[in-house]
Amino acid sequence: MKSASNMSREAPVIKHQSRKVPMLKRFLIAISLLGCVFTTGKVAFKTEPSSPPQVASTASDIRAYTPRFNRAKPVIAVVGENSSTEVTDYVIPYGVLSESGVAQVFALSTQEAPIQMLPALRIEPQATVSEFDSQFPEGADYVIVPAVVRKQDPTLLAWVNKQAEKGATIIGVCDGVWVLANAGLLDGRKSVGHWFSFKSLESKFPETEWLRNTRYVADGNVITTTGVTASIPISVALVEAIAGRDQAALLAQRIGIQSWSAEHQSEPFKLRAKHIFAAAVNWLSFWSHEDIGIPINNGVDEISLALVADIYSRTLRSKAFSLSPSDDPVTTKRGLAILPDRVQSAEKAVDRTVELQKDLPPTLSLDRTLQEIKQLYGSGSAALITLQLEYPPG
């Protein structure tokens, strides 16, 4: 039987065919597919008073891990849908949980092909869901489901359901909650989701109790999170459930955060006139749109890369592309395979190059990049991004 790592090395590299997306469509995608990433700095826009928290959720609400099948470490599967999966929702849990060393972590896809991440990057998965099933017929201990565009993909829904039946804890990150809801896993449960999707979720899934003012909530073997930024605290909270608070605290220090609690205020996150104005100005300023290149080499920190690429690709003024000396896959610090978007030697490969800060704890790349965006494109652009990411105020 092939291991997941062997399957990854043997999988063919499929060349990406770039497609030009009409600018109006890009604008609508950017506004409607609002994403989900936890940060430790201060938000770039003012907030309004919030209502009292409805749920006092803590990491201790997540069930402590109970070893199964004589495994030395739990098995965690991060699963993406090949056509379009949110980059931070997928890469952050993979990177943080791999960094912890407390589990076996696998980057999966529904089909045997690269995963096109949104809004940037391409990843070669380590295995397909069927290959994973062959290696782990008893199932995963934890399954992490990011936001995907094809929320009713039959392969994804069926596989997630089957993993739940086998006893896995299923974690929906940000709009990954749609997959869990469509799979019927949220009926009769408490759940959260991204602020932009809230009313639609409440309307379409009335059997679920939709909560506000909490970053994540665990109800039995199902966990859901609020916003793209929740991917970091929930990942550290899982480490606490698996290995205890001391291990989680050491991990948090290494990656650059101080807290992974479920505290959150939902009220500040609303689409306001200033956000629409900033989006319209950036979209209409087509003459100043920039291709941003992020140089990558083997050993690149995937957490930092995902955060920087995600942010630069949400401004409606810029789009991030990975740059490498060749088009060969680049292996990240924790074992992901990134397929470079462009070759550095190509003439005018990008308009601007952004270097990752290697001596910075990876999650702090978010604050640093938001400051860069504010300087380059103005505070309105930074506020638009923090809204999309549901970045909690300081």
Protein backbone atom coordinates (compact mmCIF):
# COMPACT_ATOMS: atom_id res chain seq x y z
CA MET A 1 0.00 0.00 0.00
CA LYS A 2 1.37 3.41 -0.92
CA SER A 3 1.84 6.01 1.79
CA ALA A 4 0.37 9.48 1.34
CA SER A 5 3.85 10.96 0.94
CA ASN A 6 4.77 8.43 -1.74
CA MET A 7 1.54 9.10 -3.56
CA SER A 8 2.35 12.80 -3.48
CA ARG A 9 5.75 12.28 -5.10
CA GLU A 10 4.32 10.05 -7.80
CA ALA A 11 1.39 12.29 -8.68
CA PRO A 12 1.84 14.10 -12.02
CA VAL A 13 2.31 17.85 -11.97
CA ILE A 14 -0.49 19.42 -13.97
CA LYS A 15 0.39 22.73 -15.58
CA HIS A 16 -1.95 25.57 -14.73
CA GLN A 17 -3.67 27.28 -17.61
CA SER A 18 -4.23 30.90 -16.60
CA ARG A 19 -7.63 32.38 -17.36
CA LYS A 20 -8.37 36.06 -17.54
CA VAL A 21 -11.36 36.89 -15.37
CA PRO A 22 -13.42 39.96 -16.36
CA MET A 23 -12.85 42.79 -13.91
CA LEU A 24 -16.51 43.09 -12.96
CA LYS A 25 -16.57 39.40 -12.14
CA ARG A 26 -13.40 39.82 -10.06
CA PHE A 27 -15.07 42.62 -8.14
CA LEU A 28 -18.19 40.56 -7.43
CA ILE A 29 -16.09 37.55 -6.41
CA ALA A 30 -14.03 39.65 -4.03
CA ILE A 31 -17.14 41.10 -2.38
CA SER A 32 -19.22 37.91 -2.25
CA LEU A 33 -16.54 35.34 -1.43
CA LEU A 34 -15.39 37.03 1.72
CA GLY A 35 -12.80 34.95 3.41
CA CYS A 36 -11.78 33.73 6.91
CA VAL A 37 -7.43 34.37 9.39
CA PHE A 38 -6.75 35.16 13.08
CA THR A 39 -4.31 37.96 13.89
CA THR A 40 -2.68 39.50 16.91
CA GLY A 41 -2.51 43.15 15.93
CA LYS A 42 -5.02 45.99 15.70
CA VAL A 43 -7.69 46.40 13.08
CA ALA A 44 -7.49 49.31 10.66
CA PHE A 45 -11.03 50.64 11.13
CA LYS A 46 -13.08 51.86 14.06
CA THR A 47 -15.61 49.57 15.69
CA GLU A 48 -19.03 50.10 17.19
CA PRO A 49 -20.22 48.89 20.60
CA SER A 50 -21.08 45.20 20.50
CA SER A 51 -23.86 43.25 22.16
CA PRO A 52 -23.08 40.97 25.12
CA PRO A 53 -21.57 37.62 24.14
CA GLN A 54 -24.14 34.85 23.63
CA VAL A 55 -21.66 32.03 24.14
CA ALA A 56 -18.72 31.79 26.53
CA SER A 57 -16.77 29.30 24.44
CA THR A 58 -13.24 28.26 25.38
CA ALA A 59 -10.71 25.80 24.05
CA SER A 60 -11.74 23.48 26.88
CA ASP A 61 -15.14 23.05 25.16
CA ILE A 62 -13.38 20.95 22.53
CA ARG A 63 -13.32 17.33 23.57
CA ALA A 64 -9.92 16.09 24.69
CA TYR A 65 -8.41 13.65 22.23
CA THR A 66 -8.89 9.97 23.01
CA PRO A 67 -6.44 7.69 21.17
CA ARG A 68 -8.00 5.28 18.71
CA PHE A 69 -6.81 2.29 16.67
CA ASN A 70 -3.51 2.09 18.63
CA ARG A 71 -2.25 5.23 16.89
CA ALA A 72 0.77 6.93 18.43
CA LYS A 73 -0.54 10.27 17.16
CA PRO A 74 -3.94 11.38 15.85
CA VAL A 75 -4.44 11.58 12.09
CA ILE A 76 -5.60 14.97 10.78
CA ALA A 77 -6.83 15.45 7.22
CA VAL A 78 -7.11 18.91 5.68
CA VAL A 79 -9.30 18.50 2.59
CA GLY A 80 -9.71 20.86 -0.36
CA GLU A 81 -11.83 20.91 -3.50
CA ASN A 82 -9.57 21.17 -6.54
CA SER A 83 -11.25 23.95 -8.49
CA SER A 84 -11.26 26.58 -5.72
CA THR A 85 -10.39 26.39 -2.02
CA GLU A 86 -9.65 29.35 0.26
CA VAL A 87 -5.89 29.49 0.75
CA THR A 88 -5.70 30.60 4.38
CA ASP A 89 -8.43 28.21 5.55
CA TYR A 90 -6.43 25.31 4.07
CA VAL A 91 -2.78 26.24 4.56
CA ILE A 92 -2.93 27.74 8.08
CA PRO A 93 -4.37 24.63 9.81
CA TYR A 94 -1.98 22.41 7.87
CA GLY A 95 1.02 24.57 8.78
CA VAL A 96 0.14 25.20 12.43
CA LEU A 97 -0.80 21.60 13.19
CA SER A 98 2.27 20.28 11.40
CA GLU A 99 4.44 22.72 13.34
CA SER A 100 3.00 21.38 16.61
CA GLY A 101 4.33 17.88 15.99
CA VAL A 102 1.45 16.34 17.95
CA ALA A 103 -0.32 14.76 14.97
CA GLN A 104 0.09 13.24 11.52
CA VAL A 105 -1.25 15.92 9.16
CA PHE A 106 -2.21 15.27 5.52
CA ALA A 107 -3.08 17.75 2.77
CA LEU A 108 -5.83 16.15 0.67
CA SER A 109 -7.92 16.96 -2.40
CA THR A 110 -11.07 15.50 -3.86
CA GLN A 111 -9.44 14.76 -7.24
CA GLU A 112 -5.97 13.84 -8.52
CA ALA A 113 -4.91 17.31 -9.64
CA PRO A 114 -3.49 20.51 -8.14
CA ILE A 115 -5.74 22.62 -5.93
CA GLN A 116 -6.37 26.13 -7.20
CA MET A 117 -6.45 28.22 -4.06
CA LEU A 118 -8.48 31.40 -3.70
CA PRO A 119 -7.55 34.17 -3.96
CA ALA A 120 -3.97 33.05 -4.75
CA LEU A 121 -1.49 30.15 -4.98
CA ARG A 122 -1.65 26.58 -6.28
CA ILE A 123 -0.89 23.49 -4.22
CA GLU A 124 -0.14 19.92 -5.18
CA PRO A 125 -1.98 17.77 -2.61
CA GLN A 126 -0.25 14.91 -0.85
CA ALA A 127 -3.06 12.48 -1.64
CA THR A 128 -6.65 12.27 -2.83
CA VAL A 129 -9.45 11.39 -0.44
CA SER A 130 -9.65 7.89 -1.99
CA GLU A 131 -5.92 7.34 -1.53
CA PHE A 132 -6.23 8.51 2.06
CA ASP A 133 -9.07 6.02 2.62
CA SER A 134 -6.85 3.21 1.34
CA GLN A 135 -4.13 4.10 3.83
CA PHE A 136 -6.48 4.87 6.76
CA PRO A 137 -9.62 2.75 6.31
CA GLU A 138 -10.65 3.46 9.92
CA GLY A 139 -10.81 7.16 9.07
CA ALA A 140 -9.16 10.32 10.33
CA ASP A 141 -9.35 11.56 13.91
CA TYR A 142 -9.92 15.13 12.74
CA VAL A 143 -11.04 16.48 9.36
CA ILE A 144 -10.59 20.17 8.54
CA VAL A 145 -12.88 21.59 5.87
CA PRO A 146 -11.97 25.02 4.42
CA ALA A 147 -14.24 27.35 2.47
CA VAL A 148 -14.74 26.14 -1.10
CA VAL A 149 -16.68 27.58 -4.02
CA ARG A 150 -18.34 24.26 -4.86
CA LYS A 151 -20.13 23.94 -1.53
CA GLN A 152 -22.24 21.02 -2.73
CA ASP A 153 -19.51 19.03 -4.43
CA PRO A 154 -20.82 15.44 -4.14
CA THR A 155 -17.40 13.86 -3.63
CA LEU A 156 -16.54 16.26 -0.83
CA LEU A 157 -19.92 15.96 0.90
CA ALA A 158 -19.93 12.17 0.74
CA TRP A 159 -16.37 11.89 2.06
CA VAL A 160 -16.91 14.31 4.94
CA ASN A 161 -20.09 12.46 5.92
CA LYS A 162 -18.30 9.12 5.84
CA GLN A 163 -15.49 10.46 8.03
CA ALA A 164 -18.06 11.71 10.55
CA GLU A 165 -19.71 8.27 10.58
CA LYS A 166 -16.30 6.73 11.34
CA GLY A 167 -15.99 8.95 14.41
CA ALA A 168 -13.83 11.81 13.16
CA THR A 169 -14.26 15.30 14.60
CA ILE A 170 -15.19 17.57 11.68
CA ILE A 171 -14.00 21.19 11.72
CA GLY A 172 -15.52 23.71 9.32
CA VAL A 173 -13.22 26.72 8.93
CA CYS A 174 -15.02 29.94 8.01
CA ASP A 175 -17.34 29.28 5.06
CA GLY A 176 -16.37 25.62 5.24
CA VAL A 177 -19.48 25.61 7.43
CA TRP A 178 -21.53 25.48 4.20
CA VAL A 179 -20.07 22.07 3.39
CA LEU A 180 -20.90 20.78 6.87
CA ALA A 181 -24.43 22.20 6.66
CA ASN A 182 -25.02 20.78 3.18
CA ALA A 183 -23.79 17.42 4.45
CA GLY A 184 -26.46 17.52 7.19
CA LEU A 185 -23.91 17.57 10.00
CA LEU A 186 -25.24 20.75 11.63
CA ASP A 187 -28.89 19.75 12.09
CA GLY A 188 -29.82 20.29 15.74
CA ARG A 189 -26.39 21.69 16.59
CA LYS A 190 -24.94 25.05 17.56
CA SER A 191 -22.78 26.63 14.89
CA VAL A 192 -21.05 29.80 13.71
CA GLY A 193 -19.91 31.09 10.33
CA HIS A 194 -18.47 34.06 8.46
CA TRP A 195 -20.38 37.30 9.08
CA PHE A 196 -21.18 37.78 5.38
CA SER A 197 -22.93 34.38 5.18
CA PHE A 198 -24.84 34.59 8.44
CA LYS A 199 -28.30 35.58 7.20
CA SER A 200 -28.15 33.10 4.34
CA LEU A 201 -27.12 30.31 6.69
CA GLU A 202 -29.91 31.13 9.15
CA SER A 203 -32.46 31.16 6.33
CA LYS A 204 -31.33 27.97 4.60
CA PHE A 205 -30.58 25.88 7.70
CA PRO A 206 -33.20 26.75 10.35
CA GLU A 207 -32.57 23.47 12.22
CA THR A 208 -29.19 24.83 13.30
CA GLU A 209 -28.78 27.29 16.19
CA TRP A 210 -26.59 30.04 14.72
CA LEU A 211 -24.50 31.85 17.31
CA ARG A 212 -22.81 35.23 17.25
CA ASN A 213 -20.02 36.68 19.36
CA THR A 214 -17.85 33.59 19.48
CA ARG A 215 -14.79 32.71 17.40
CA TYR A 216 -15.47 28.99 17.35
CA VAL A 217 -17.94 26.56 18.88
CA ALA A 218 -17.74 22.83 19.49
CA ASP A 219 -20.94 20.79 19.57
CA GLY A 220 -20.12 17.14 20.00
CA ASN A 221 -17.79 15.99 17.23
CA VAL A 222 -18.50 19.04 15.04
CA ILE A 223 -16.63 22.34 15.34
CA THR A 224 -17.28 25.52 13.35
CA THR A 225 -15.45 28.85 13.24
CA THR A 226 -16.15 32.50 12.50
CA GLY A 227 -14.18 34.13 9.70
CA VAL A 228 -10.94 33.39 7.83
CA THR A 229 -8.90 34.63 10.77
CA ALA A 230 -10.29 31.90 13.03
CA SER A 231 -8.05 29.34 11.33
CA ILE A 232 -5.15 30.10 13.69
CA PRO A 233 -6.89 30.00 17.09
CA ILE A 234 -8.86 26.88 16.23
CA SER A 235 -5.67 25.12 15.13
CA VAL A 236 -3.96 25.94 18.44
CA ALA A 237 -7.12 24.94 20.33
CA LEU A 238 -6.97 21.54 18.64
CA VAL A 239 -3.37 21.16 19.80
CA GLU A 240 -4.54 21.88 23.34
CA ALA A 241 -7.25 19.21 23.00
CA ILE A 242 -4.67 16.70 21.74
CA ALA A 243 -1.59 17.45 23.84
CA GLY A 244 -2.58 19.84 26.63
CA ARG A 245 -2.33 23.54 27.35
CA ASP A 246 1.43 23.65 27.85
CA GLN A 247 2.09 22.27 24.37
CA ALA A 248 -0.45 24.69 22.91
CA ALA A 249 1.23 27.63 24.68
CA LEU A 250 4.66 26.70 23.32
CA LEU A 251 3.22 26.44 19.82
CA ALA A 252 1.42 29.78 20.14
CA GLN A 253 4.69 31.44 21.14
CA ARG A 254 6.54 29.97 18.15
CA ILE A 255 3.99 31.10 15.60
CA GLY A 256 3.46 34.53 17.17
CA ILE A 257 0.12 34.65 19.02
CA GLN A 258 -0.72 35.19 22.68
CA SER A 259 -4.28 33.85 22.89
CA TRP A 260 -6.39 31.26 21.12
CA SER A 261 -9.61 31.78 23.04
CA ALA A 262 -13.04 31.81 21.42
CA GLU A 263 -13.74 35.41 22.47
CA HIS A 264 -15.09 37.47 19.57
CA GLN A 265 -17.38 40.41 18.84
CA SER A 266 -19.57 40.05 15.78
CA GLU A 267 -21.22 43.47 15.69
CA PRO A 268 -18.32 45.47 14.16
CA PHE A 269 -18.26 43.31 11.04
CA LYS A 270 -20.72 44.80 8.58
CA LEU A 271 -20.42 45.97 4.99
CA ARG A 272 -20.57 49.76 5.19
CA ALA A 273 -20.42 52.59 2.70
CA LYS A 274 -16.71 53.16 3.32
CA HIS A 275 -15.94 49.54 2.37
CA ILE A 276 -18.00 49.73 -0.82
CA PHE A 277 -16.35 53.04 -1.70
CA ALA A 278 -12.84 51.61 -1.19
CA ALA A 279 -13.69 48.54 -3.27
CA ALA A 280 -15.15 50.65 -6.08
CA VAL A 281 -12.17 53.02 -6.16
CA ASN A 282 -9.66 50.17 -6.24
CA TRP A 283 -11.59 48.25 -8.87
CA LEU A 284 -11.98 51.29 -11.11
CA SER A 285 -8.30 52.24 -10.79
CA PHE A 286 -7.38 49.69 -13.45
CA TRP A 287 -4.36 51.70 -14.61
CA SER A 288 -2.67 51.18 -11.23
CA HIS A 289 -3.43 47.49 -10.73
CA GLU A 290 -0.31 45.53 -9.78
CA ASP A 291 0.91 41.95 -10.07
CA ILE A 292 2.70 41.22 -6.79
CA GLY A 293 5.45 38.59 -6.85
CA ILE A 294 6.36 36.58 -3.75
CA PRO A 295 9.68 34.73 -4.24
CA ILE A 296 9.58 31.16 -2.92
CA ASN A 297 12.24 28.48 -2.49
CA ASN A 298 12.36 25.12 -0.75
CA GLY A 299 11.79 25.64 2.97
CA VAL A 300 9.52 28.65 2.55
CA ASP A 301 7.16 29.14 5.50
CA GLU A 302 3.72 28.25 4.18
CA ILE A 303 1.91 30.08 6.99
CA SER A 304 3.56 33.40 6.17
CA LEU A 305 3.21 32.78 2.42
CA ALA A 306 -0.52 32.08 2.66
CA LEU A 307 -1.21 35.18 4.75
CA VAL A 308 0.76 37.55 2.51
CA ALA A 309 -0.63 36.12 -0.73
CA ASP A 310 -4.18 36.16 0.61
CA ILE A 311 -4.01 39.79 1.74
CA TYR A 312 -2.40 41.18 -1.41
CA SER A 313 -4.99 39.40 -3.54
CA ARG A 314 -7.98 40.97 -1.73
CA THR A 315 -7.33 44.66 -2.38
CA LEU A 316 -8.90 44.82 -5.89
CA ARG A 317 -5.71 46.74 -6.71
CA SER A 318 -3.27 43.82 -6.63
CA LYS A 319 -2.96 40.09 -7.19
CA ALA A 320 -0.25 37.89 -5.65
CA PHE A 321 1.78 35.35 -7.62
CA SER A 322 4.40 32.94 -6.35
CA LEU A 323 7.80 33.33 -8.03
CA SER A 324 10.46 30.64 -8.34
CA PRO A 325 13.65 30.13 -10.37
CA SER A 326 11.84 27.31 -12.24
CA ASP A 327 8.36 25.87 -12.57
CA ASP A 328 9.27 22.82 -10.45
CA PRO A 329 7.22 22.32 -7.27
CA VAL A 330 8.61 24.06 -4.18
CA THR A 331 8.49 22.15 -0.89
CA THR A 332 7.53 24.31 2.07
CA LYS A 333 8.97 24.21 5.59
CA ARG A 334 6.32 21.72 6.69
CA GLY A 335 6.01 19.60 3.56
CA LEU A 336 3.44 21.23 1.28
CA ALA A 337 4.17 21.35 -2.46
CA ILE A 338 3.58 24.80 -3.98
CA LEU A 339 3.35 25.02 -7.76
CA PRO A 340 4.98 28.33 -8.78
CA ASP A 341 2.79 30.73 -10.73
CA ARG A 342 5.62 32.43 -12.58
CA VAL A 343 9.34 32.00 -13.26
CA GLN A 344 11.55 34.75 -11.83
CA SER A 345 13.75 34.95 -14.92
CA ALA A 346 10.81 35.88 -17.15
CA GLU A 347 10.95 39.48 -18.37
CA LYS A 348 8.75 41.70 -16.18
CA ALA A 349 7.27 38.70 -14.39
CA VAL A 350 5.54 41.05 -11.90
CA ASP A 351 5.12 44.75 -11.14
CA ARG A 352 6.30 44.58 -7.54
CA THR A 353 8.15 42.00 -5.44
CA VAL A 354 7.36 41.35 -1.78
CA GLU A 355 9.86 39.37 0.28
CA LEU A 356 8.66 37.19 3.15
CA GLN A 357 10.16 38.16 6.52
CA LYS A 358 12.06 35.02 7.52
CA ASP A 359 12.95 36.18 11.04
CA LEU A 360 9.33 37.05 11.91
CA PRO A 361 6.98 34.55 13.61
CA PRO A 362 4.73 33.56 10.70
CA THR A 363 1.38 34.86 11.92
CA LEU A 364 2.87 38.33 12.42
CA SER A 365 3.17 38.57 8.64
CA LEU A 366 -0.47 39.58 8.68
CA ASP A 367 0.08 42.78 10.67
CA ARG A 368 3.15 43.62 8.65
CA THR A 369 1.34 43.13 5.33
CA LEU A 370 -1.68 45.16 6.42
CA GLN A 371 0.68 48.04 7.19
CA GLU A 372 2.22 47.69 3.73
CA ILE A 373 -1.25 47.75 2.14
CA LYS A 374 -2.14 50.86 4.13
CA GLN A 375 1.01 52.63 2.89
CA LEU A 376 0.61 51.49 -0.72
CA TYR A 377 -3.14 51.72 -1.27
CA GLY A 378 -4.51 53.66 1.71
CA SER A 379 -6.35 52.92 4.94
CA GLY A 380 -9.59 52.19 3.05
CA SER A 381 -7.96 49.20 1.35
CA ALA A 382 -6.64 47.91 4.68
CA ALA A 383 -10.11 48.23 6.22
CA LEU A 384 -11.65 46.36 3.29
CA ILE A 385 -9.25 43.47 3.87
CA THR A 386 -9.78 43.29 7.63
CA LEU A 387 -13.52 43.17 7.00
CA GLN A 388 -13.16 40.30 4.56
CA LEU A 389 -10.89 38.39 6.92
CA GLU A 390 -13.12 39.15 9.92
CA TYR A 391 -10.05 40.47 11.67
CA PRO A 392 -10.90 41.10 15.33
CA PRO A 393 -10.32 44.59 16.69
CA GLY A 394 -7.47 45.09 19.14
